[in-house]
Amino acid sequence: MTDHEIVDSSFTATINAPLEKIDIPKWCFSLSEKEYQGCSPAHVAAGFTTAPDGKRMSINVEVIGGSLMVQHYVETLGQKDHLILESVSDIFTPSGRTTIHVLWELSVKAIDAERCEFTNHVRSKATGEFMAFLDRQGIPFDVFRAQRQPMSIAHNQGETPFFAASIERAALKN
């Protein structure tokens, strides 16, 4: 495994709103902290800002598998029905601080005139810093990956229907 993929998980949920009313980037970059927290018990805080190059950023703080993560998601694609965010996320563990690379992709496609299918796709990969972090502790990457995957997949699966419901509420307000 040359790219050191940790997790690749994707889940779907139905949004009861027409495609033309949905705007995922608008939802993401105006998501209140309370609304974000309501999408998972692991969600601690959320906000938005801009990267040094002016691109929009979503800052998310969550706890997965007992580790605090601070995600600095930079928008790499922002279409009403498709948003791709990339982050070199900070992870705070009992053994210290490190980083992982996370790609978060949110998309919708019409099912019919009044409903859409929402997809929440999350991929994470080890950074060089992370590989060195594991090496210093004598933890083989495959062992870490096998332990981390179930927690990350369960988190994504749990938050997906709540994100869909939040996007639906935002769409129906428009």
Protein backbone atom coordinates (compact mmCIF):
# COMPACT_ATOMS: atom_id res chain seq x y z
CA MET A 1 0.00 0.00 0.00
CA THR A 2 1.98 2.97 -1.25
CA ASP A 3 -0.51 5.75 -0.55
CA HIS A 4 -1.06 4.73 3.11
CA GLU A 5 -4.83 4.93 2.89
CA ILE A 6 -6.41 4.68 6.32
CA VAL A 7 -10.10 4.78 5.47
CA ASP A 8 -12.33 5.09 2.41
CA SER A 9 -15.98 5.12 3.46
CA SER A 10 -19.11 6.30 1.73
CA PHE A 11 -22.72 6.34 2.92
CA THR A 12 -25.94 7.69 1.46
CA ALA A 13 -29.21 9.09 2.78
CA THR A 14 -32.32 10.56 1.23
CA ILE A 15 -32.98 14.29 1.19
CA ASN A 16 -36.67 15.15 0.78
CA ALA A 17 -36.11 18.29 -1.25
CA PRO A 18 -35.77 18.96 -4.98
CA LEU A 19 -32.26 19.13 -6.40
CA GLU A 20 -32.61 22.76 -7.48
CA LYS A 21 -33.16 23.86 -3.85
CA ILE A 22 -29.97 22.23 -2.55
CA ASP A 23 -26.72 24.16 -2.25
CA ILE A 24 -24.14 22.08 -0.39
CA PRO A 25 -21.37 24.75 -0.28
CA LYS A 26 -23.83 27.35 1.04
CA TRP A 27 -24.94 24.85 3.70
CA CYS A 28 -21.37 23.92 4.65
CA PHE A 29 -20.03 27.45 4.89
CA SER A 30 -22.94 28.72 6.96
CA LEU A 31 -23.41 25.66 9.21
CA SER A 32 -23.91 26.77 12.78
CA GLU A 33 -21.96 25.12 15.54
CA LYS A 34 -25.17 23.88 17.14
CA GLU A 35 -26.33 22.34 13.84
CA TYR A 36 -22.93 20.66 13.37
CA GLN A 37 -22.99 19.30 16.92
CA GLY A 38 -26.47 17.90 16.26
CA CYS A 39 -25.12 15.75 13.42
CA SER A 40 -22.97 13.53 15.69
CA PRO A 41 -22.20 13.15 19.40
CA ALA A 42 -18.52 13.23 18.32
CA HIS A 43 -18.82 16.76 16.89
CA VAL A 44 -17.36 19.39 19.21
CA ALA A 45 -17.20 22.64 17.23
CA ALA A 46 -17.41 24.07 13.72
CA GLY A 47 -16.70 27.33 12.01
CA PHE A 48 -15.65 28.75 8.69
CA THR A 49 -12.96 31.10 7.46
CA THR A 50 -10.70 31.54 4.44
CA ALA A 51 -7.36 29.95 3.61
CA PRO A 52 -4.34 32.20 2.92
CA ASP A 53 -5.10 31.90 -0.83
CA GLY A 54 -8.67 33.14 -0.28
CA LYS A 55 -10.41 29.78 -0.69
CA ARG A 56 -13.24 29.00 1.68
CA MET A 57 -12.47 26.79 4.69
CA SER A 58 -14.60 24.78 7.07
CA ILE A 59 -13.00 24.20 10.46
CA ASN A 60 -14.39 21.14 12.24
CA VAL A 61 -13.43 19.75 15.63
CA GLU A 62 -14.46 16.23 16.56
CA VAL A 63 -13.39 13.26 18.65
CA ILE A 64 -13.03 9.93 16.86
CA GLY A 65 -11.71 6.89 18.67
CA GLY A 66 -10.71 8.98 21.66
CA SER A 67 -8.51 11.33 19.61
CA LEU A 68 -9.34 15.00 19.19
CA MET A 69 -9.20 16.06 15.53
CA VAL A 70 -9.06 19.60 14.19
CA GLN A 71 -9.87 19.58 10.48
CA HIS A 72 -8.94 22.50 8.24
CA TYR A 73 -11.08 21.72 5.20
CA VAL A 74 -10.22 23.82 2.14
CA GLU A 75 -12.74 23.89 -0.70
CA THR A 76 -11.30 22.31 -3.86
CA LEU A 77 -14.62 21.97 -5.73
CA GLY A 78 -17.72 23.98 -4.91
CA GLN A 79 -20.80 23.24 -7.00
CA LYS A 80 -24.34 23.38 -5.64
CA ASP A 81 -24.65 19.60 -5.88
CA HIS A 82 -21.02 18.63 -5.21
CA LEU A 83 -18.49 19.86 -2.66
CA ILE A 84 -14.97 18.54 -2.20
CA LEU A 85 -12.93 19.63 0.81
CA GLU A 86 -9.33 18.72 1.62
CA SER A 87 -7.61 18.94 4.98
CA VAL A 88 -4.31 18.22 6.61
CA SER A 89 -5.98 17.57 9.96
CA ASP A 90 -4.36 17.82 13.36
CA ILE A 91 -4.84 14.81 15.64
CA PHE A 92 -4.21 15.05 19.35
CA THR A 93 -3.57 11.65 20.95
CA PRO A 94 -2.29 10.56 24.38
CA SER A 95 1.05 9.97 22.61
CA GLY A 96 1.24 13.45 21.08
CA ARG A 97 0.15 15.53 18.13
CA THR A 98 0.33 14.51 14.47
CA THR A 99 -1.49 14.99 11.16
CA ILE A 100 -3.46 13.02 8.59
CA HIS A 101 -4.75 13.97 5.16
CA VAL A 102 -8.56 13.90 4.80
CA LEU A 103 -10.64 14.27 1.65
CA TRP A 104 -14.34 14.94 2.37
CA GLU A 105 -16.73 14.78 -0.57
CA LEU A 106 -20.42 15.63 -0.31
CA SER A 107 -22.74 15.23 -3.27
CA VAL A 108 -26.39 14.94 -4.21
CA LYS A 109 -28.19 13.53 -7.22
CA ALA A 110 -31.89 13.63 -8.01
CA ILE A 111 -33.95 10.53 -7.30
CA ASP A 112 -37.10 12.21 -8.63
CA ALA A 113 -38.58 15.73 -8.73
CA GLU A 114 -38.89 15.96 -4.93
CA ARG A 115 -36.07 13.80 -3.53
CA CYS A 116 -32.30 13.45 -3.78
CA GLU A 117 -29.70 10.95 -2.73
CA PHE A 118 -26.99 12.46 -0.55
CA THR A 119 -23.54 10.85 -0.46
CA ASN A 120 -21.04 11.50 2.33
CA HIS A 121 -17.65 10.15 1.21
CA VAL A 122 -14.60 10.40 3.47
CA ARG A 123 -11.09 9.23 2.61
CA SER A 124 -8.08 9.58 4.84
CA LYS A 125 -4.40 8.90 4.27
CA ALA A 126 -1.35 8.99 6.49
CA THR A 127 0.97 11.95 6.06
CA GLY A 128 4.75 11.52 6.30
CA GLU A 129 4.52 13.07 9.75
CA PHE A 130 1.95 10.48 10.75
CA MET A 131 4.07 7.57 9.48
CA ALA A 132 7.02 8.87 11.54
CA PHE A 133 4.66 9.22 14.55
CA LEU A 134 3.70 5.54 14.26
CA ASP A 135 7.33 4.49 13.70
CA ARG A 136 8.48 6.27 16.89
CA GLN A 137 5.92 4.21 18.82
CA GLY A 138 6.72 0.95 17.06
CA ILE A 139 3.17 0.67 15.67
CA PRO A 140 2.91 -0.99 12.26
CA PHE A 141 0.72 1.00 9.88
CA ASP A 142 -1.48 -2.03 9.10
CA VAL A 143 -2.19 -2.52 12.82
CA PHE A 144 -3.16 1.15 13.23
CA ARG A 145 -5.30 1.02 10.07
CA ALA A 146 -7.16 -2.10 11.22
CA GLN A 147 -7.92 -0.44 14.57
CA ARG A 148 -8.93 2.96 13.15
CA GLN A 149 -11.14 1.84 10.27
CA PRO A 150 -14.16 0.58 12.27
CA MET A 151 -14.31 3.79 14.33
CA SER A 152 -14.02 6.09 11.32
CA ILE A 153 -16.51 4.09 9.27
CA ALA A 154 -19.02 4.02 12.14
CA HIS A 155 -18.62 7.79 12.57
CA ASN A 156 -19.29 8.46 8.87
CA GLN A 157 -22.26 6.09 8.84
CA GLY A 158 -23.74 7.76 11.93
CA GLU A 159 -23.37 11.35 10.74
CA THR A 160 -24.59 10.83 7.15
CA PRO A 161 -28.37 10.80 7.82
CA PHE A 162 -28.01 13.80 10.14
CA PHE A 163 -26.04 15.76 7.53
CA ALA A 164 -28.74 14.86 4.98
CA ALA A 165 -31.46 16.11 7.34
CA SER A 166 -29.53 19.33 7.98
CA ILE A 167 -29.04 19.93 4.23
CA GLU A 168 -32.76 19.21 3.74
CA ARG A 169 -33.72 21.81 6.36
CA ALA A 170 -31.44 24.37 4.71
CA ALA A 171 -32.84 23.57 1.24
CA LEU A 172 -36.46 23.91 2.37
CA LYS A 173 -35.70 27.32 3.96
CA ASN A 174 -34.51 28.66 0.58
